[in-house]
C-alpha atoms as a PDB file:
ATOM      1  CA  UNK A   1       0.000   0.000   0.000  1.00  0.00           C
ATOM      2  CA  UNK A   2       1.298   3.483  -0.837  1.00  0.00           C
ATOM      3  CA  UNK A   3       2.304   5.366   2.297  1.00  0.00           C
ATOM      4  CA  UNK A   4       0.841   8.597   0.926  1.00  0.00           C
ATOM      5  CA  UNK A   5      -2.472   6.871   0.234  1.00  0.00           C
ATOM      6  CA  UNK A   6      -3.365   6.123   3.859  1.00  0.00           C
ATOM      7  CA  UNK A   7      -6.607   4.161   4.108  1.00  0.00           C
ATOM      8  CA  UNK A   8      -8.736   2.452   6.674  1.00  0.00           C
ATOM      9  CA  UNK A   9      -8.749  -1.349   6.692  1.00  0.00           C
ATOM     10  CA  UNK A  10     -10.303  -3.260   3.811  1.00  0.00           C
ATOM     11  CA  UNK A  11     -12.935  -3.202   2.509  1.00  0.00           C
ATOM     12  CA  UNK A  12     -12.628   0.509   1.768  1.00  0.00           C
ATOM     13  CA  UNK A  13     -15.665   2.576   2.714  1.00  0.00           C
ATOM     14  CA  UNK A  14     -17.073   4.573  -0.194  1.00  0.00           C
ATOM     15  CA  UNK A  15     -19.403   7.564  -0.331  1.00  0.00           C
ATOM     16  CA  UNK A  16     -21.258   8.422  -3.546  1.00  0.00           C
ATOM     17  CA  UNK A  17     -22.678  11.784  -4.617  1.00  0.00           C
ATOM     18  CA  UNK A  18     -25.338  11.263  -7.282  1.00  0.00           C
ATOM     19  CA  UNK A  19     -28.157   8.871  -8.130  1.00  0.00           C
ATOM     20  CA  UNK A  20     -28.176   9.001 -11.940  1.00  0.00           C
ATOM     21  CA  UNK A  21     -26.906   6.688 -14.676  1.00  0.00           C
ATOM     22  CA  UNK A  22     -23.184   6.890 -13.849  1.00  0.00           C
ATOM     23  CA  UNK A  23     -23.920   6.555 -10.125  1.00  0.00           C
ATOM     24  CA  UNK A  24     -25.958   3.430 -10.823  1.00  0.00           C
ATOM     25  CA  UNK A  25     -23.132   1.791 -12.779  1.00  0.00           C
ATOM     26  CA  UNK A  26     -20.619   2.708 -10.053  1.00  0.00           C
ATOM     27  CA  UNK A  27     -22.891   1.165  -7.432  1.00  0.00           C
ATOM     28  CA  UNK A  28     -23.243  -2.023  -9.454  1.00  0.00           C
ATOM     29  CA  UNK A  29     -19.459  -2.206  -9.724  1.00  0.00           C
ATOM     30  CA  UNK A  30     -19.101  -2.110  -5.943  1.00  0.00           C
ATOM     31  CA  UNK A  31     -21.618  -4.920  -5.530  1.00  0.00           C
ATOM     32  CA  UNK A  32     -19.122  -7.208  -7.285  1.00  0.00           C
ATOM     33  CA  UNK A  33     -16.016  -5.714  -5.638  1.00  0.00           C
ATOM     34  CA  UNK A  34     -14.860  -7.316  -2.339  1.00  0.00           C
ATOM     35  CA  UNK A  35     -12.214  -4.646  -1.685  1.00  0.00           C
ATOM     36  CA  UNK A  36     -14.705  -1.794  -1.227  1.00  0.00           C
ATOM     37  CA  UNK A  37     -18.213  -1.211   0.101  1.00  0.00           C
ATOM     38  CA  UNK A  38     -20.663   1.483  -0.944  1.00  0.00           C
ATOM     39  CA  UNK A  39     -21.561   2.810   2.509  1.00  0.00           C
ATOM     40  CA  UNK A  40     -23.345   6.129   1.932  1.00  0.00           C
ATOM     41  CA  UNK A  41     -25.115   8.054  -0.846  1.00  0.00           C
ATOM     42  CA  UNK A  42     -26.219  11.697  -1.183  1.00  0.00           C
ATOM     43  CA  UNK A  43     -28.436  12.784  -4.072  1.00  0.00           C
ATOM     44  CA  UNK A  44     -30.572  15.649  -5.344  1.00  0.00           C
ATOM     45  CA  UNK A  45     -33.597  14.848  -3.165  1.00  0.00           C
ATOM     46  CA  UNK A  46     -33.767  12.730  -0.010  1.00  0.00           C
ATOM     47  CA  UNK A  47     -36.651  10.665  -1.404  1.00  0.00           C
ATOM     48  CA  UNK A  48     -34.693   9.680  -4.507  1.00  0.00           C
ATOM     49  CA  UNK A  49     -31.571   9.076  -2.433  1.00  0.00           C
ATOM     50  CA  UNK A  50     -33.409   6.770  -0.029  1.00  0.00           C
ATOM     51  CA  UNK A  51     -34.800   4.651  -2.870  1.00  0.00           C
ATOM     52  CA  UNK A  52     -31.397   4.464  -4.549  1.00  0.00           C
ATOM     53  CA  UNK A  53     -29.573   3.661  -1.308  1.00  0.00           C
ATOM     54  CA  UNK A  54     -31.997   0.881  -0.438  1.00  0.00           C
ATOM     55  CA  UNK A  55     -31.274  -0.801  -3.772  1.00  0.00           C
ATOM     56  CA  UNK A  56     -27.537  -0.903  -3.081  1.00  0.00           C
ATOM     57  CA  UNK A  57     -27.551  -1.418   0.671  1.00  0.00           C
ATOM     58  CA  UNK A  58     -26.135   2.013   1.535  1.00  0.00           C
ATOM     59  CA  UNK A  59     -27.123   4.743   3.975  1.00  0.00           C
ATOM     60  CA  UNK A  60     -28.983   7.750   2.566  1.00  0.00           C
ATOM     61  CA  UNK A  61     -27.353  11.050   3.555  1.00  0.00           C
ATOM     62  CA  UNK A  62     -29.384  14.301   3.258  1.00  0.00           C
ATOM     63  CA  UNK A  63     -26.603  16.409   1.666  1.00  0.00           C
ATOM     64  CA  UNK A  64     -23.226  15.959   0.020  1.00  0.00           C
ATOM     65  CA  UNK A  65     -21.768  18.392   2.540  1.00  0.00           C
ATOM     66  CA  UNK A  66     -22.636  15.967   5.331  1.00  0.00           C
ATOM     67  CA  UNK A  67     -21.467  12.946   3.339  1.00  0.00           C
ATOM     68  CA  UNK A  68     -17.913  14.182   2.681  1.00  0.00           C
ATOM     69  CA  UNK A  69     -17.429  14.860   6.404  1.00  0.00           C
ATOM     70  CA  UNK A  70     -18.139  11.254   7.417  1.00  0.00           C
ATOM     71  CA  UNK A  71     -14.947  10.146   9.170  1.00  0.00           C
ATOM     72  CA  UNK A  72     -15.534   6.486   8.284  1.00  0.00           C
ATOM     73  CA  UNK A  73     -15.312   7.072   4.521  1.00  0.00           C
ATOM     74  CA  UNK A  74     -12.073   6.527   2.579  1.00  0.00           C
ATOM     75  CA  UNK A  75     -13.188   7.425  -0.935  1.00  0.00           C
ATOM     76  CA  UNK A  76     -15.764   9.839  -2.378  1.00  0.00           C
ATOM     77  CA  UNK A  77     -17.195   9.329  -5.873  1.00  0.00           C
ATOM     78  CA  UNK A  78     -18.767  12.369  -7.538  1.00  0.00           C
ATOM     79  CA  UNK A  79     -21.337  11.606 -10.230  1.00  0.00           C
ATOM     80  CA  UNK A  80     -23.683  14.571 -10.149  1.00  0.00           C
ATOM     81  CA  UNK A  81     -24.296  17.729 -12.203  1.00  0.00           C
ATOM     82  CA  UNK A  82     -21.149  19.199 -13.742  1.00  0.00           C
ATOM     83  CA  UNK A  83     -21.589  22.603 -12.104  1.00  0.00           C
ATOM     84  CA  UNK A  84     -21.073  21.123  -8.621  1.00  0.00           C
ATOM     85  CA  UNK A  85     -18.026  18.961  -9.320  1.00  0.00           C
ATOM     86  CA  UNK A  86     -15.415  21.503  -8.264  1.00  0.00           C
ATOM     87  CA  UNK A  87     -17.068  22.435  -4.960  1.00  0.00           C
ATOM     88  CA  UNK A  88     -17.572  18.801  -3.928  1.00  0.00           C
ATOM     89  CA  UNK A  89     -14.010  17.821  -4.897  1.00  0.00           C
ATOM     90  CA  UNK A  90     -12.674  20.735  -2.835  1.00  0.00           C
ATOM     91  CA  UNK A  91     -14.709  19.742   0.213  1.00  0.00           C
ATOM     92  CA  UNK A  92     -13.891  16.029  -0.084  1.00  0.00           C
ATOM     93  CA  UNK A  93     -10.151  16.645  -0.401  1.00  0.00           C
ATOM     94  CA  UNK A  94     -10.323  19.086   2.487  1.00  0.00           C
ATOM     95  CA  UNK A  95     -11.927  16.345   4.584  1.00  0.00           C
ATOM     96  CA  UNK A  96      -9.000  14.042   3.806  1.00  0.00           C
ATOM     97  CA  UNK A  97     -10.795  11.789   1.311  1.00  0.00           C
ATOM     98  CA  UNK A  98      -9.571  10.248  -1.924  1.00  0.00           C
ATOM     99  CA  UNK A  99     -11.758  11.319  -4.853  1.00  0.00           C
ATOM    100  CA  UNK A 100     -13.103   9.933  -8.117  1.00  0.00           C
ATOM    101  CA  UNK A 101     -14.972  12.535 -10.172  1.00  0.00           C
ATOM    102  CA  UNK A 102     -16.684  12.071 -13.511  1.00  0.00           C
ATOM    103  CA  UNK A 103     -15.372  14.519 -16.118  1.00  0.00           C
ATOM    104  CA  UNK A 104     -15.146  17.474 -16.163  1.00  0.00           C
ATOM    105  CA  UNK A 105     -13.187  18.140 -12.975  1.00  0.00           C
ATOM    106  CA  UNK A 106     -14.607  21.686 -12.991  1.00  0.00           C
ATOM    107  CA  UNK A 107     -16.237  24.053 -15.455  1.00  0.00           C
ATOM    108  CA  UNK A 108     -13.427  26.603 -15.124  1.00  0.00           C
ATOM    109  CA  UNK A 109      -9.745  25.969 -15.903  1.00  0.00           C
ATOM    110  CA  UNK A 110      -8.452  27.993 -12.945  1.00  0.00           C
ATOM    111  CA  UNK A 111     -10.571  26.009 -10.497  1.00  0.00           C
ATOM    112  CA  UNK A 112      -9.417  22.698 -11.964  1.00  0.00           C
ATOM    113  CA  UNK A 113      -5.777  23.759 -11.637  1.00  0.00           C
ATOM    114  CA  UNK A 114      -6.310  24.687  -7.985  1.00  0.00           C
ATOM    115  CA  UNK A 115      -7.971  21.349  -7.233  1.00  0.00           C
ATOM    116  CA  UNK A 116      -5.103  19.349  -8.722  1.00  0.00           C
ATOM    117  CA  UNK A 117      -2.612  21.330  -6.659  1.00  0.00           C
ATOM    118  CA  UNK A 118      -4.774  20.891  -3.544  1.00  0.00           C
ATOM    119  CA  UNK A 119      -4.939  17.093  -4.018  1.00  0.00           C
ATOM    120  CA  UNK A 120      -1.150  16.944  -4.188  1.00  0.00           C
ATOM    121  CA  UNK A 121      -0.814  19.099  -1.079  1.00  0.00           C
ATOM    122  CA  UNK A 122      -3.288  16.859   0.763  1.00  0.00           C
ATOM    123  CA  UNK A 123      -1.520  13.718  -0.526  1.00  0.00           C
ATOM    124  CA  UNK A 124      -4.834  12.349  -1.722  1.00  0.00           C
ATOM    125  CA  UNK A 125      -5.843  10.693  -4.961  1.00  0.00           C
ATOM    126  CA  UNK A 126      -7.794  12.836  -7.430  1.00  0.00           C
ATOM    127  CA  UNK A 127      -8.928  10.678 -10.340  1.00  0.00           C
ATOM    128  CA  UNK A 128     -10.903  12.275 -13.178  1.00  0.00           C
ATOM    129  CA  UNK A 129     -12.769   9.445 -14.909  1.00  0.00           C
ATOM    130  CA  UNK A 130     -12.272   9.131 -18.679  1.00  0.00           C
ATOM    131  CA  UNK A 131     -13.664   5.688 -19.462  1.00  0.00           C
ATOM    132  CA  UNK A 132     -13.725   6.476 -23.193  1.00  0.00           C
ATOM    133  CA  UNK A 133      -9.996   5.708 -23.162  1.00  0.00           C
ATOM    134  CA  UNK A 134     -10.730   2.179 -21.886  1.00  0.00           C
ATOM    135  CA  UNK A 135     -13.313   1.363 -24.553  1.00  0.00           C
ATOM    136  CA  UNK A 136     -12.778  -1.075 -27.403  1.00  0.00           C
ATOM    137  CA  UNK A 137     -13.184   1.561 -30.116  1.00  0.00           C
ATOM    138  CA  UNK A 138     -10.516   3.836 -28.692  1.00  0.00           C
ATOM    139  CA  UNK A 139      -8.087   1.047 -27.868  1.00  0.00           C
ATOM    140  CA  UNK A 140      -8.550  -0.543 -31.303  1.00  0.00           C
ATOM    141  CA  UNK A 141      -8.170   2.785 -33.076  1.00  0.00           C
ATOM    142  CA  UNK A 142      -4.996   3.565 -31.144  1.00  0.00           C
ATOM    143  CA  UNK A 143      -3.495   0.154 -31.949  1.00  0.00           C
ATOM    144  CA  UNK A 144      -4.450   0.424 -35.641  1.00  0.00           C
ATOM    145  CA  UNK A 145      -3.148   3.913 -36.448  1.00  0.00           C
ATOM    146  CA  UNK A 146       0.123   2.580 -37.833  1.00  0.00           C
ATOM    147  CA  UNK A 147      -1.849   0.802 -40.576  1.00  0.00           C
ATOM    148  CA  UNK A 148      -2.855   4.090 -42.245  1.00  0.00           C
ATOM    149  CA  UNK A 149       0.469   5.921 -42.253  1.00  0.00           C
ATOM    150  CA  UNK A 150       0.737   9.518 -41.082  1.00  0.00           C
ATOM    151  CA  UNK A 151      -2.736  10.757 -40.021  1.00  0.00           C
ATOM    152  CA  UNK A 152      -3.960  13.676 -42.127  1.00  0.00           C
ATOM    153  CA  UNK A 153      -7.574  14.367 -41.053  1.00  0.00           C
ATOM    154  CA  UNK A 154      -9.925  13.154 -38.315  1.00  0.00           C
ATOM    155  CA  UNK A 155     -13.618  13.665 -37.613  1.00  0.00           C
ATOM    156  CA  UNK A 156     -15.579  12.658 -34.527  1.00  0.00           C
ATOM    157  CA  UNK A 157     -19.347  13.199 -34.447  1.00  0.00           C
ATOM    158  CA  UNK A 158     -21.960  12.294 -31.850  1.00  0.00           C
ATOM    159  CA  UNK A 159     -25.453  13.480 -32.751  1.00  0.00           C
ATOM    160  CA  UNK A 160     -28.505  12.422 -30.733  1.00  0.00           C
ATOM    161  CA  UNK A 161     -31.998  13.447 -31.888  1.00  0.00           C
ATOM    162  CA  UNK A 162     -34.449  13.690 -28.972  1.00  0.00           C
ATOM    163  CA  UNK A 163     -38.076  14.751 -29.418  1.00  0.00           C
ATOM    164  CA  UNK A 164     -39.268  16.116 -27.158  1.00  0.00           C
ATOM    165  CA  UNK A 165     -35.992  17.241 -25.612  1.00  0.00           C
ATOM    166  CA  UNK A 166     -35.916  15.941 -22.037  1.00  0.00           C
ATOM    167  CA  UNK A 167     -36.019  18.386 -19.147  1.00  0.00           C
ATOM    168  CA  UNK A 168     -32.775  17.043 -17.740  1.00  0.00           C
ATOM    169  CA  UNK A 169     -29.755  18.866 -16.375  1.00  0.00           C
ATOM    170  CA  UNK A 170     -27.758  17.879 -19.469  1.00  0.00           C
ATOM    171  CA  UNK A 171     -29.935  20.342 -21.426  1.00  0.00           C
ATOM    172  CA  UNK A 172     -29.429  23.136 -18.882  1.00  0.00           C
ATOM    173  CA  UNK A 173     -26.278  25.168 -19.696  1.00  0.00           C
ATOM    174  CA  UNK A 174     -25.803  26.413 -16.117  1.00  0.00           C
ATOM    175  CA  UNK A 175     -25.562  22.833 -14.853  1.00  0.00           C
ATOM    176  CA  UNK A 176     -23.923  21.122 -17.855  1.00  0.00           C
ATOM    177  CA  UNK A 177     -21.488  23.828 -18.944  1.00  0.00           C
ATOM    178  CA  UNK A 178     -20.328  24.754 -22.438  1.00  0.00           C
ATOM    179  CA  UNK A 179     -21.040  21.698 -24.659  1.00  0.00           C
ATOM    180  CA  UNK A 180     -17.437  20.589 -25.208  1.00  0.00           C
ATOM    181  CA  UNK A 181     -16.635  21.142 -21.525  1.00  0.00           C
ATOM    182  CA  UNK A 182     -19.628  19.140 -20.334  1.00  0.00           C
ATOM    183  CA  UNK A 183     -18.922  16.516 -23.005  1.00  0.00           C
ATOM    184  CA  UNK A 184     -15.155  16.667 -22.518  1.00  0.00           C
ATOM    185  CA  UNK A 185     -14.544  13.136 -23.793  1.00  0.00           C
ATOM    186  CA  UNK A 186     -15.282  14.260 -27.368  1.00  0.00           C
ATOM    187  CA  UNK A 187     -12.033  16.217 -27.304  1.00  0.00           C
ATOM    188  CA  UNK A 188     -10.130  13.922 -24.967  1.00  0.00           C
ATOM    189  CA  UNK A 189     -10.243  10.981 -27.382  1.00  0.00           C
ATOM    190  CA  UNK A 190      -8.515  13.017 -30.094  1.00  0.00           C
ATOM    191  CA  UNK A 191      -5.953  14.597 -27.776  1.00  0.00           C
ATOM    192  CA  UNK A 192      -5.020  11.181 -26.386  1.00  0.00           C
ATOM    193  CA  UNK A 193      -4.463   9.977 -29.964  1.00  0.00           C
ATOM    194  CA  UNK A 194      -2.792  12.997 -31.551  1.00  0.00           C
ATOM    195  CA  UNK A 195      -1.203  15.105 -28.800  1.00  0.00           C
ATOM    196  CA  UNK A 196      -1.022  18.861 -28.367  1.00  0.00           C
ATOM    197  CA  UNK A 197      -3.402  21.291 -30.066  1.00  0.00           C
ATOM    198  CA  UNK A 198      -2.155  24.455 -31.787  1.00  0.00           C
ATOM    199  CA  UNK A 199      -5.411  26.290 -32.585  1.00  0.00           C
ATOM    200  CA  UNK A 200      -9.155  25.930 -32.004  1.00  0.00           C
ATOM    201  CA  UNK A 201     -12.073  27.416 -33.906  1.00  0.00           C
ATOM    202  CA  UNK A 202     -15.598  26.670 -32.723  1.00  0.00           C
ATOM    203  CA  UNK A 203     -19.233  27.615 -33.266  1.00  0.00           C
ATOM    204  CA  UNK A 204     -22.268  26.661 -31.203  1.00  0.00           C
ATOM    205  CA  UNK A 205     -26.015  27.154 -31.544  1.00  0.00           C
ATOM    206  CA  UNK A 206     -28.839  26.568 -29.074  1.00  0.00           C
ATOM    207  CA  UNK A 207     -32.643  26.604 -29.177  1.00  0.00           C
ATOM    208  CA  UNK A 208     -34.713  27.590 -26.156  1.00  0.00           C
ATOM    209  CA  UNK A 209     -38.274  26.529 -25.452  1.00  0.00           C
ATOM    210  CA  UNK A 210     -40.810  28.657 -27.317  1.00  0.00           C
ATOM    211  CA  UNK A 211     -42.186  30.302 -24.162  1.00  0.00           C
ATOM    212  CA  UNK A 212     -38.726  30.526 -22.508  1.00  0.00           C
ATOM    213  CA  UNK A 213     -40.402  29.294 -19.322  1.00  0.00           C
ATOM    214  CA  UNK A 214     -37.521  27.033 -18.328  1.00  0.00           C
ATOM    215  CA  UNK A 215     -33.714  27.171 -18.389  1.00  0.00           C
ATOM    216  CA  UNK A 216     -33.498  24.010 -20.510  1.00  0.00           C
ATOM    217  CA  UNK A 217     -32.497  24.092 -24.202  1.00  0.00           C
ATOM    218  CA  UNK A 218     -34.396  22.057 -26.762  1.00  0.00           C
ATOM    219  CA  UNK A 219     -31.394  21.726 -29.099  1.00  0.00           C
ATOM    220  CA  UNK A 220     -27.633  22.068 -28.804  1.00  0.00           C
ATOM    221  CA  UNK A 221     -25.227  22.004 -31.747  1.00  0.00           C
ATOM    222  CA  UNK A 222     -21.484  22.544 -31.308  1.00  0.00           C
ATOM    223  CA  UNK A 223     -18.782  22.103 -33.945  1.00  0.00           C
ATOM    224  CA  UNK A 224     -15.061  22.662 -33.382  1.00  0.00           C
ATOM    225  CA  UNK A 225     -12.068  22.523 -35.698  1.00  0.00           C
ATOM    226  CA  UNK A 226      -8.723  21.631 -34.115  1.00  0.00           C
ATOM    227  CA  UNK A 227      -5.316  22.082 -35.696  1.00  0.00           C
ATOM    228  CA  UNK A 228      -2.833  19.843 -33.890  1.00  0.00           C
ATOM    229  CA  UNK A 229       0.837  20.669 -33.436  1.00  0.00           C
ATOM    230  CA  UNK A 230       1.568  17.725 -35.745  1.00  0.00           C
ATOM    231  CA  UNK A 231      -0.355  19.443 -38.538  1.00  0.00           C
ATOM    232  CA  UNK A 232      -3.347  17.095 -38.385  1.00  0.00           C
ATOM    233  CA  UNK A 233      -6.731  18.771 -38.809  1.00  0.00           C
ATOM    234  CA  UNK A 234      -9.676  17.398 -36.790  1.00  0.00           C
ATOM    235  CA  UNK A 235     -13.366  18.249 -36.596  1.00  0.00           C
ATOM    236  CA  UNK A 236     -15.579  17.508 -33.602  1.00  0.00           C
ATOM    237  CA  UNK A 237     -19.379  17.679 -33.706  1.00  0.00           C
ATOM    238  CA  UNK A 238     -21.522  17.326 -30.583  1.00  0.00           C
ATOM    239  CA  UNK A 239     -25.270  17.796 -30.998  1.00  0.00           C
ATOM    240  CA  UNK A 240     -28.515  16.747 -29.344  1.00  0.00           C
ATOM    241  CA  UNK A 241     -32.174  17.658 -29.211  1.00  0.00           C
ATOM    242  CA  UNK A 242     -35.287  18.369 -31.212  1.00  0.00           C
ATOM    243  CA  UNK A 243     -33.745  20.054 -34.289  1.00  0.00           C
ATOM    244  CA  UNK A 244     -31.461  17.065 -34.907  1.00  0.00           C
ATOM    245  CA  UNK A 245     -33.016  14.445 -37.193  1.00  0.00           C
ATOM    246  CA  UNK A 246     -30.308  11.931 -38.053  1.00  0.00           C
ATOM    247  CA  UNK A 247     -28.390  10.124 -35.284  1.00  0.00           C
ATOM    248  CA  UNK A 248     -24.662   9.699 -35.704  1.00  0.00           C
ATOM    249  CA  UNK A 249     -21.864   8.145 -33.647  1.00  0.00           C
ATOM    250  CA  UNK A 250     -18.854   8.071 -35.908  1.00  0.00           C
ATOM    251  CA  UNK A 251     -15.088   8.393 -35.664  1.00  0.00           C
ATOM    252  CA  UNK A 252     -12.949   8.491 -38.791  1.00  0.00           C
ATOM    253  CA  UNK A 253      -9.217   9.009 -39.225  1.00  0.00           C
ATOM    254  CA  UNK A 254      -7.739   9.409 -42.716  1.00  0.00           C
ATOM    255  CA  UNK A 255      -4.040   8.870 -43.332  1.00  0.00           C
ATOM    256  CA  UNK A 256      -1.548   8.731 -46.188  1.00  0.00           C
ATOM    257  CA  UNK A 257      -2.013   5.002 -46.803  1.00  0.00           C
ATOM    258  CA  UNK A 258      -5.540   4.301 -45.538  1.00  0.00           C
ATOM    259  CA  UNK A 259      -8.414   5.224 -43.252  1.00  0.00           C
ATOM    260  CA  UNK A 260      -9.997   3.905 -40.069  1.00  0.00           C
ATOM    261  CA  UNK A 261     -13.784   4.273 -39.853  1.00  0.00           C
ATOM    262  CA  UNK A 262     -15.782   3.447 -36.723  1.00  0.00           C
ATOM    263  CA  UNK A 263     -19.520   3.857 -37.285  1.00  0.00           C
ATOM    264  CA  UNK A 264     -21.548   2.882 -34.233  1.00  0.00           C
ATOM    265  CA  UNK A 265     -20.299  -0.563 -33.249  1.00  0.00           C
ATOM    266  CA  UNK A 266     -18.808  -1.334 -36.666  1.00  0.00           C
ATOM    267  CA  UNK A 267     -15.145  -0.804 -37.551  1.00  0.00           C
ATOM    268  CA  UNK A 268     -13.513  -0.708 -40.985  1.00  0.00           C
ATOM    269  CA  UNK A 269      -9.951  -0.377 -42.280  1.00  0.00           C
ATOM    270  CA  UNK A 270      -9.833   1.117 -45.791  1.00  0.00           C
ATOM    271  CA  UNK A 271      -6.756   0.625 -47.991  1.00  0.00           C
ATOM    272  CA  UNK A 272      -6.030   1.004 -51.718  1.00  0.00           C
ATOM    273  CA  UNK A 273      -6.208  -2.774 -52.095  1.00  0.00           C
ATOM    274  CA  UNK A 274      -9.594  -3.071 -50.380  1.00  0.00           C
ATOM    275  CA  UNK A 275     -11.416  -2.895 -47.045  1.00  0.00           C
ATOM    276  CA  UNK A 276     -11.206  -5.022 -43.924  1.00  0.00           C
ATOM    277  CA  UNK A 277     -13.781  -5.150 -41.093  1.00  0.00           C
ATOM    278  CA  UNK A 278     -12.563  -4.514 -37.541  1.00  0.00           C
ATOM    279  CA  UNK A 279     -14.226  -6.352 -34.685  1.00  0.00           C
ATOM    280  CA  UNK A 280     -15.149  -4.302 -31.604  1.00  0.00           C
ATOM    281  CA  UNK A 281     -15.914  -5.601 -28.134  1.00  0.00           C
ATOM    282  CA  UNK A 282     -18.922  -4.483 -26.099  1.00  0.00           C
ATOM    283  CA  UNK A 283     -18.896  -1.074 -24.423  1.00  0.00           C
ATOM    284  CA  UNK A 284     -20.336  -2.536 -21.236  1.00  0.00           C
ATOM    285  CA  UNK A 285     -18.345  -2.862 -18.030  1.00  0.00           C
ATOM    286  CA  UNK A 286     -16.152   0.251 -18.378  1.00  0.00           C
ATOM    287  CA  UNK A 287     -17.209   1.835 -15.081  1.00  0.00           C
ATOM    288  CA  UNK A 288     -16.418  -1.437 -13.329  1.00  0.00           C
ATOM    289  CA  UNK A 289     -13.022  -1.519 -15.023  1.00  0.00           C
ATOM    290  CA  UNK A 290     -12.293   2.069 -14.011  1.00  0.00           C
ATOM    291  CA  UNK A 291     -13.365   1.311 -10.430  1.00  0.00           C
ATOM    292  CA  UNK A 292     -11.130  -1.760 -10.219  1.00  0.00           C
ATOM    293  CA  UNK A 293      -8.154   0.215 -11.554  1.00  0.00           C
ATOM    294  CA  UNK A 294      -8.636   2.950  -8.940  1.00  0.00           C
ATOM    295  CA  UNK A 295      -8.735   0.347  -6.165  1.00  0.00           C
ATOM    296  CA  UNK A 296      -5.605  -1.315  -7.596  1.00  0.00           C
ATOM    297  CA  UNK A 297      -3.917   2.080  -7.466  1.00  0.00           C
ATOM    298  CA  UNK A 298      -4.981   2.885  -3.916  1.00  0.00           C
ATOM    299  CA  UNK A 299      -4.169  -0.538  -2.487  1.00  0.00           C
ATOM    300  CA  UNK A 300      -1.211  -1.711  -4.587  1.00  0.00           C
ATOM    301  CA  UNK A 301       0.159   1.469  -6.153  1.00  0.00           C
ATOM    302  CA  UNK A 302      -0.617   0.320  -9.699  1.00  0.00           C
ATOM    303  CA  UNK A 303      -0.440   3.252 -12.176  1.00  0.00           C
ATOM    304  CA  UNK A 304      -3.740   4.629 -13.472  1.00  0.00           C
ATOM    305  CA  UNK A 305      -4.612   4.939 -17.166  1.00  0.00           C
ATOM    306  CA  UNK A 306      -5.118   8.721 -17.085  1.00  0.00           C
ATOM    307  CA  UNK A 307      -3.796  11.639 -15.043  1.00  0.00           C
ATOM    308  CA  UNK A 308      -5.734  14.680 -13.836  1.00  0.00           C
ATOM    309  CA  UNK A 309      -3.192  16.801 -15.719  1.00  0.00           C
ATOM    310  CA  UNK A 310      -4.220  15.132 -18.991  1.00  0.00           C
ATOM    311  CA  UNK A 311      -7.855  15.912 -18.262  1.00  0.00           C
ATOM    312  CA  UNK A 312      -6.872  19.482 -17.355  1.00  0.00           C
ATOM    313  CA  UNK A 313      -5.145  19.948 -20.719  1.00  0.00           C
ATOM    314  CA  UNK A 314      -8.307  18.829 -22.525  1.00  0.00           C
ATOM    315  CA  UNK A 315     -10.319  21.239 -20.374  1.00  0.00           C
ATOM    316  CA  UNK A 316      -8.011  24.044 -21.557  1.00  0.00           C
ATOM    317  CA  UNK A 317      -8.726  23.076 -25.181  1.00  0.00           C
ATOM    318  CA  UNK A 318     -12.469  22.962 -24.467  1.00  0.00           C
ATOM    319  CA  UNK A 319     -12.266  26.385 -22.828  1.00  0.00           C
ATOM    320  CA  UNK A 320     -10.492  27.684 -25.934  1.00  0.00           C
ATOM    321  CA  UNK A 321     -13.458  26.367 -27.954  1.00  0.00           C
ATOM    322  CA  UNK A 322     -15.808  28.272 -25.646  1.00  0.00           C
ATOM    323  CA  UNK A 323     -13.810  31.490 -26.077  1.00  0.00           C
ATOM    324  CA  UNK A 324     -13.755  30.999 -29.838  1.00  0.00           C
ATOM    325  CA  UNK A 325     -17.553  30.706 -29.849  1.00  0.00           C
ATOM    326  CA  UNK A 326     -17.905  33.901 -27.821  1.00  0.00           C
ATOM    327  CA  UNK A 327     -15.425  35.992 -29.827  1.00  0.00           C
ATOM    328  CA  UNK A 328     -15.737  34.513 -33.309  1.00  0.00           C
ATOM    329  CA  UNK A 329     -11.958  34.211 -33.364  1.00  0.00           C
ATOM    330  CA  UNK A 330      -9.557  31.289 -33.788  1.00  0.00           C
ATOM    331  CA  UNK A 331      -7.836  30.702 -30.432  1.00  0.00           C
ATOM    332  CA  UNK A 332      -4.160  29.755 -30.256  1.00  0.00           C
ATOM    333  CA  UNK A 333      -3.097  27.574 -27.338  1.00  0.00           C
ATOM    334  CA  UNK A 334       0.117  28.134 -25.449  1.00  0.00           C
END
């Protein structure tokens, strides 16, 4: 066990903030994990939290502020609205807890930088989850890049039509953040593959409800163009809502000697001599894999697959996209 990662005896006691989809998958992971126990949960409302906690055999806590102060807890997992990530991370680290937080770490770059420095000062783990890096599509793409020569152009699009648009926090800009900050993985995949970004140009468009009675959008469309330091040009499209009519989940990378196309769950290698299908494994089980890797790190010192600094760099690129949208200018990164 790492000396700087002081823990109580096994199984580790875990507190969870959130009762949504990611929180559910985390809870299921702990049901099959003998090294840790989900002990306490805090959610948006006490009624929802009590129902969720009963399902997973945990104690319902009225507020996250009370949860992070529980002296019996070793690890806090944050899987709630993006706006609150930074404040909960700060409080959990200040209470001496190790932390897992779903991306983004914070909605503002300066706050994220402060939290990373604070975790180091506290000698506590701060793990920003990026399960997209563990998925079959990303791992297969990374392993196959050499087959297409020097990459020239990449495009990554995720478009989700929803009619009517749900009244969820993911459609509320104050809670979700700028689209490519809230959906940070859309940029993180490309940065993990291709390295540092030189410039960012981005445009975004939103539709409000006709009577403007609620803070929720009905449609979000965001498109960014990245020029990497290597010279590669990449386009990222993230869109959802009522004005979107054709779903898309596609990653394509074109190189000097071929192309890699991943459309939904189908992969294809294109070469001058013909095409070759690429088998992809299921996307299920990634939260459980991430959870197991964090426990391996805390207990045995095994290196993690991503650093908070890597997530911070992607947040800086996403913030450049936000500034480009606001100013209409191409933003150069340092």
